[in-house]
Amino acid sequence: MAANQGVRIAQAVLLGLALCCALTAASAQARSVSGTQTVVDEDAGTFRMHGDLVGSWKITSFKEIATTPVYRAKGTEKFRGCLDRGHDGGCSGDPSGTLRMKFRYWALFGPGDALLGGACWHPIVGGTGAFAHARGHFEMLDVSTANGVETHYAGDIRMRGGAAAGAARRSCG
């Protein structure tokens, strides 16, 4: 596959995912979140979250679905941390707990298995603490740079009931 054609396919996959996610309606109580994710241990599937979410992210199951023409995988994940209301990089006084997600991942690789681009969708399926009964989703984009892969996330969290959810709604909007 020519490199130009690979880039066009990656762009089409990412555009399709963005359109799909844009059509997902968020309720009035949804809190938008965004930031970055950095690798702690890729082999162990552990990451750190920065931005509106602060804490650890762990892949708890992973299944490869297809390798060509577009790489596809699915699995489950767990986030442990907080909504960083004060944007101070810490969780003191912020709504915190765990979130459980499913995910679907799509990527396009070029020569030498170099990542051309990747995207994933993470619907929230459960949580604890301030995230008990949370719903919503995250989208992540993997972008290849001269310094390696950068991962950016954006999404919405809907938290229902309780003082923690009310505090999150008042401060994260």
C-alpha atoms as a PDB file:
ATOM      1  CA  MET A   1       0.000   0.000   0.000  1.00  0.00           C
ATOM      2  CA  ALA A   2       1.426   3.386  -0.972  1.00  0.00           C
ATOM      3  CA  ALA A   3       2.196   5.710   1.931  1.00  0.00           C
ATOM      4  CA  ASN A   4      -0.131   8.375   0.462  1.00  0.00           C
ATOM      5  CA  GLN A   5      -3.005   5.905   0.288  1.00  0.00           C
ATOM      6  CA  GLY A   6      -2.286   4.830   3.880  1.00  0.00           C
ATOM      7  CA  VAL A   7      -2.488   8.410   5.099  1.00  0.00           C
ATOM      8  CA  ARG A   8      -5.805   8.891   3.267  1.00  0.00           C
ATOM      9  CA  ILE A   9      -7.219   5.733   4.847  1.00  0.00           C
ATOM     10  CA  ALA A  10      -6.043   6.871   8.312  1.00  0.00           C
ATOM     11  CA  GLN A  11      -7.653  10.266   7.769  1.00  0.00           C
ATOM     12  CA  ALA A  12     -10.907   8.630   6.646  1.00  0.00           C
ATOM     13  CA  VAL A  13     -10.955   6.312   9.680  1.00  0.00           C
ATOM     14  CA  LEU A  14     -10.276   9.197  12.072  1.00  0.00           C
ATOM     15  CA  LEU A  15     -12.881  11.423  10.384  1.00  0.00           C
ATOM     16  CA  GLY A  16     -15.458   8.633  10.544  1.00  0.00           C
ATOM     17  CA  LEU A  17     -14.776   8.099  14.240  1.00  0.00           C
ATOM     18  CA  ALA A  18     -14.985  11.841  14.937  1.00  0.00           C
ATOM     19  CA  LEU A  19     -18.326  12.086  13.112  1.00  0.00           C
ATOM     20  CA  CYS A  20     -19.687   9.054  14.954  1.00  0.00           C
ATOM     21  CA  CYS A  21     -18.696  10.527  18.294  1.00  0.00           C
ATOM     22  CA  ALA A  22     -20.013  13.985  17.396  1.00  0.00           C
ATOM     23  CA  LEU A  23     -23.421  12.452  16.731  1.00  0.00           C
ATOM     24  CA  THR A  24     -23.490  10.928  20.220  1.00  0.00           C
ATOM     25  CA  ALA A  25     -25.754  13.270  22.143  1.00  0.00           C
ATOM     26  CA  ALA A  26     -24.607  14.400  25.576  1.00  0.00           C
ATOM     27  CA  SER A  27     -27.127  15.335  28.226  1.00  0.00           C
ATOM     28  CA  ALA A  28     -27.246  18.777  29.838  1.00  0.00           C
ATOM     29  CA  GLN A  29     -25.509  17.316  32.909  1.00  0.00           C
ATOM     30  CA  ALA A  30     -22.550  15.998  30.931  1.00  0.00           C
ATOM     31  CA  ARG A  31     -19.164  17.454  31.837  1.00  0.00           C
ATOM     32  CA  SER A  32     -16.705  17.771  28.989  1.00  0.00           C
ATOM     33  CA  VAL A  33     -13.182  16.598  29.736  1.00  0.00           C
ATOM     34  CA  SER A  34      -9.973  16.706  27.726  1.00  0.00           C
ATOM     35  CA  GLY A  35      -6.251  16.244  28.130  1.00  0.00           C
ATOM     36  CA  THR A  36      -3.442  13.836  27.353  1.00  0.00           C
ATOM     37  CA  GLN A  37      -2.425  10.321  28.247  1.00  0.00           C
ATOM     38  CA  THR A  38       1.194   9.211  28.699  1.00  0.00           C
ATOM     39  CA  VAL A  39       2.650   5.717  28.753  1.00  0.00           C
ATOM     40  CA  VAL A  40       3.856   4.326  32.088  1.00  0.00           C
ATOM     41  CA  ASP A  41       4.437   0.731  30.879  1.00  0.00           C
ATOM     42  CA  GLU A  42       3.134  -0.139  27.419  1.00  0.00           C
ATOM     43  CA  ASP A  43       3.644  -3.887  27.901  1.00  0.00           C
ATOM     44  CA  ALA A  44       1.604  -3.802  31.129  1.00  0.00           C
ATOM     45  CA  GLY A  45      -1.022  -1.496  29.576  1.00  0.00           C
ATOM     46  CA  THR A  46      -0.597   1.251  32.186  1.00  0.00           C
ATOM     47  CA  PHE A  47      -0.858   4.979  31.536  1.00  0.00           C
ATOM     48  CA  ARG A  48      -1.152   8.334  33.366  1.00  0.00           C
ATOM     49  CA  MET A  49      -3.917  10.800  32.660  1.00  0.00           C
ATOM     50  CA  HIS A  50      -3.317  14.561  32.584  1.00  0.00           C
ATOM     51  CA  GLY A  51      -5.706  17.468  32.124  1.00  0.00           C
ATOM     52  CA  ASP A  52      -9.283  17.267  33.350  1.00  0.00           C
ATOM     53  CA  LEU A  53      -8.732  13.657  34.428  1.00  0.00           C
ATOM     54  CA  VAL A  54      -5.814  12.957  36.766  1.00  0.00           C
ATOM     55  CA  GLY A  55      -4.832   9.444  37.715  1.00  0.00           C
ATOM     56  CA  SER A  56      -3.957   6.029  36.369  1.00  0.00           C
ATOM     57  CA  TRP A  57      -5.442   4.231  33.357  1.00  0.00           C
ATOM     58  CA  LYS A  58      -5.079   0.462  32.922  1.00  0.00           C
ATOM     59  CA  ILE A  59      -6.037  -1.848  30.077  1.00  0.00           C
ATOM     60  CA  THR A  60      -7.699  -4.822  31.794  1.00  0.00           C
ATOM     61  CA  SER A  61      -8.448  -6.906  28.683  1.00  0.00           C
ATOM     62  CA  PHE A  62      -7.374  -6.679  25.040  1.00  0.00           C
ATOM     63  CA  LYS A  63      -8.489  -8.655  21.986  1.00  0.00           C
ATOM     64  CA  GLU A  64      -7.167  -8.140  18.476  1.00  0.00           C
ATOM     65  CA  ILE A  65     -10.003  -8.247  15.928  1.00  0.00           C
ATOM     66  CA  ALA A  66      -8.197  -7.568  12.620  1.00  0.00           C
ATOM     67  CA  THR A  67      -4.742  -6.581  11.432  1.00  0.00           C
ATOM     68  CA  THR A  68      -5.418  -5.465   7.829  1.00  0.00           C
ATOM     69  CA  PRO A  69      -6.252  -3.232   6.122  1.00  0.00           C
ATOM     70  CA  VAL A  70      -7.063  -1.365   9.329  1.00  0.00           C
ATOM     71  CA  TYR A  71      -5.869  -2.707  12.673  1.00  0.00           C
ATOM     72  CA  ARG A  72      -8.804  -3.201  15.045  1.00  0.00           C
ATOM     73  CA  ALA A  73      -9.005  -4.274  18.674  1.00  0.00           C
ATOM     74  CA  LYS A  74     -11.407  -4.189  21.600  1.00  0.00           C
ATOM     75  CA  GLY A  75     -11.212  -4.625  25.336  1.00  0.00           C
ATOM     76  CA  THR A  76     -11.828  -3.161  28.773  1.00  0.00           C
ATOM     77  CA  GLU A  77     -10.097  -0.536  30.916  1.00  0.00           C
ATOM     78  CA  LYS A  78     -10.147   1.056  34.340  1.00  0.00           C
ATOM     79  CA  PHE A  79      -9.384   4.644  35.376  1.00  0.00           C
ATOM     80  CA  ARG A  80      -8.564   5.442  39.010  1.00  0.00           C
ATOM     81  CA  GLY A  81      -8.340   9.128  39.848  1.00  0.00           C
ATOM     82  CA  CYS A  82     -10.344  12.336  39.803  1.00  0.00           C
ATOM     83  CA  LEU A  83     -11.896  15.183  37.893  1.00  0.00           C
ATOM     84  CA  ASP A  84      -9.229  17.836  38.524  1.00  0.00           C
ATOM     85  CA  ARG A  85     -11.525  20.793  39.235  1.00  0.00           C
ATOM     86  CA  GLY A  86      -8.715  23.182  40.160  1.00  0.00           C
ATOM     87  CA  HIS A  87      -6.417  22.033  37.353  1.00  0.00           C
ATOM     88  CA  ASP A  88      -3.600  21.686  39.885  1.00  0.00           C
ATOM     89  CA  GLY A  89      -2.548  18.204  38.763  1.00  0.00           C
ATOM     90  CA  GLY A  90      -3.767  16.621  42.002  1.00  0.00           C
ATOM     91  CA  CYS A  91      -6.941  15.091  43.400  1.00  0.00           C
ATOM     92  CA  SER A  92      -7.164  16.723  46.831  1.00  0.00           C
ATOM     93  CA  GLY A  93     -10.782  17.812  47.352  1.00  0.00           C
ATOM     94  CA  ASP A  94     -11.835  16.731  43.855  1.00  0.00           C
ATOM     95  CA  PRO A  95     -14.529  14.169  42.946  1.00  0.00           C
ATOM     96  CA  SER A  96     -12.657  10.871  42.699  1.00  0.00           C
ATOM     97  CA  GLY A  97     -13.147   7.146  42.313  1.00  0.00           C
ATOM     98  CA  THR A  98     -12.860   4.634  39.498  1.00  0.00           C
ATOM     99  CA  LEU A  99     -14.378   4.381  36.039  1.00  0.00           C
ATOM    100  CA  ARG A 100     -14.730   1.182  34.018  1.00  0.00           C
ATOM    101  CA  MET A 101     -14.819   1.403  30.232  1.00  0.00           C
ATOM    102  CA  LYS A 102     -15.061  -0.803  27.185  1.00  0.00           C
ATOM    103  CA  PHE A 103     -13.072   0.275  24.154  1.00  0.00           C
ATOM    104  CA  ARG A 104     -12.811  -0.122  20.400  1.00  0.00           C
ATOM    105  CA  TYR A 105      -9.496   0.763  18.744  1.00  0.00           C
ATOM    106  CA  TRP A 106      -8.633   1.445  15.097  1.00  0.00           C
ATOM    107  CA  ALA A 107      -5.152   2.160  13.730  1.00  0.00           C
ATOM    108  CA  LEU A 108      -3.259   2.309  10.502  1.00  0.00           C
ATOM    109  CA  PHE A 109       0.368   1.248  10.334  1.00  0.00           C
ATOM    110  CA  GLY A 110       2.905   2.014   7.641  1.00  0.00           C
ATOM    111  CA  PRO A 111       6.254   0.551   6.665  1.00  0.00           C
ATOM    112  CA  GLY A 112       8.136  -1.084   9.529  1.00  0.00           C
ATOM    113  CA  ASP A 113       4.930  -1.131  11.610  1.00  0.00           C
ATOM    114  CA  ALA A 114       5.184   2.646  12.117  1.00  0.00           C
ATOM    115  CA  LEU A 115       1.923   4.056  13.473  1.00  0.00           C
ATOM    116  CA  LEU A 116       0.353   6.452  10.980  1.00  0.00           C
ATOM    117  CA  GLY A 117      -2.588   7.215  13.259  1.00  0.00           C
ATOM    118  CA  GLY A 118      -5.004   5.610  15.658  1.00  0.00           C
ATOM    119  CA  ALA A 119      -8.324   6.327  17.322  1.00  0.00           C
ATOM    120  CA  CYS A 120     -10.416   4.692  19.992  1.00  0.00           C
ATOM    121  CA  TRP A 121     -13.836   5.045  21.573  1.00  0.00           C
ATOM    122  CA  HIS A 122     -14.362   4.324  25.280  1.00  0.00           C
ATOM    123  CA  PRO A 123     -17.971   4.151  26.573  1.00  0.00           C
ATOM    124  CA  ILE A 124     -18.170   4.279  30.379  1.00  0.00           C
ATOM    125  CA  VAL A 125     -19.900   1.180  31.775  1.00  0.00           C
ATOM    126  CA  GLY A 126     -19.575   1.724  35.531  1.00  0.00           C
ATOM    127  CA  GLY A 127     -17.737   3.355  38.383  1.00  0.00           C
ATOM    128  CA  THR A 128     -17.206   3.798  42.108  1.00  0.00           C
ATOM    129  CA  GLY A 129     -16.949   6.740  44.494  1.00  0.00           C
ATOM    130  CA  ALA A 130     -17.905  10.020  42.843  1.00  0.00           C
ATOM    131  CA  PHE A 131     -18.130   8.100  39.549  1.00  0.00           C
ATOM    132  CA  ALA A 132     -20.754   5.609  40.805  1.00  0.00           C
ATOM    133  CA  HIS A 133     -23.490   5.362  38.155  1.00  0.00           C
ATOM    134  CA  ALA A 134     -21.424   7.535  35.768  1.00  0.00           C
ATOM    135  CA  ARG A 135     -22.067   7.281  32.057  1.00  0.00           C
ATOM    136  CA  GLY A 136     -20.522   8.927  29.043  1.00  0.00           C
ATOM    137  CA  HIS A 137     -17.597   8.242  26.772  1.00  0.00           C
ATOM    138  CA  PHE A 138     -14.094   9.263  25.777  1.00  0.00           C
ATOM    139  CA  GLU A 139     -12.477   9.483  22.371  1.00  0.00           C
ATOM    140  CA  MET A 140      -8.709   9.225  22.047  1.00  0.00           C
ATOM    141  CA  LEU A 141      -6.442  10.018  19.118  1.00  0.00           C
ATOM    142  CA  ASP A 142      -2.930   8.638  18.732  1.00  0.00           C
ATOM    143  CA  VAL A 143      -0.776  10.917  16.622  1.00  0.00           C
ATOM    144  CA  SER A 144       2.706   9.969  15.466  1.00  0.00           C
ATOM    145  CA  THR A 145       5.271  12.720  16.079  1.00  0.00           C
ATOM    146  CA  ALA A 146       9.047  13.028  15.796  1.00  0.00           C
ATOM    147  CA  ASN A 147       9.197  12.320  19.569  1.00  0.00           C
ATOM    148  CA  GLY A 148       6.917   9.269  19.483  1.00  0.00           C
ATOM    149  CA  VAL A 149       3.175   8.821  19.802  1.00  0.00           C
ATOM    150  CA  GLU A 150       1.055  11.501  21.493  1.00  0.00           C
ATOM    151  CA  THR A 151      -2.366  10.530  22.828  1.00  0.00           C
ATOM    152  CA  HIS A 152      -5.068  13.158  23.276  1.00  0.00           C
ATOM    153  CA  TYR A 153      -8.478  12.522  24.823  1.00  0.00           C
ATOM    154  CA  ALA A 154     -11.809  14.309  24.913  1.00  0.00           C
ATOM    155  CA  GLY A 155     -15.178  13.188  26.163  1.00  0.00           C
ATOM    156  CA  ASP A 156     -18.154  13.631  28.425  1.00  0.00           C
ATOM    157  CA  ILE A 157     -18.950  12.228  31.855  1.00  0.00           C
ATOM    158  CA  ARG A 158     -22.503  12.221  33.189  1.00  0.00           C
ATOM    159  CA  MET A 159     -22.575  11.746  36.952  1.00  0.00           C
ATOM    160  CA  ARG A 160     -25.896  11.068  38.652  1.00  0.00           C
ATOM    161  CA  GLY A 161     -26.945  12.019  42.176  1.00  0.00           C
ATOM    162  CA  GLY A 162     -25.001  12.693  45.345  1.00  0.00           C
ATOM    163  CA  ALA A 163     -22.994  15.642  46.606  1.00  0.00           C
ATOM    164  CA  ALA A 164     -19.899  14.632  44.637  1.00  0.00           C
ATOM    165  CA  ALA A 165     -21.794  14.672  41.347  1.00  0.00           C
ATOM    166  CA  GLY A 166     -23.299  18.077  42.166  1.00  0.00           C
ATOM    167  CA  ALA A 167     -19.862  19.458  42.986  1.00  0.00           C
ATOM    168  CA  ALA A 168     -18.504  18.091  39.724  1.00  0.00           C
ATOM    169  CA  ARG A 169     -21.376  19.641  37.749  1.00  0.00           C
ATOM    170  CA  ARG A 170     -20.847  23.046  39.353  1.00  0.00           C
ATOM    171  CA  SER A 171     -17.089  23.111  38.884  1.00  0.00           C
ATOM    172  CA  CYS A 172     -16.307  21.224  35.677  1.00  0.00           C
ATOM    173  CA  GLY A 173     -18.463  22.993  33.165  1.00  0.00           C
END
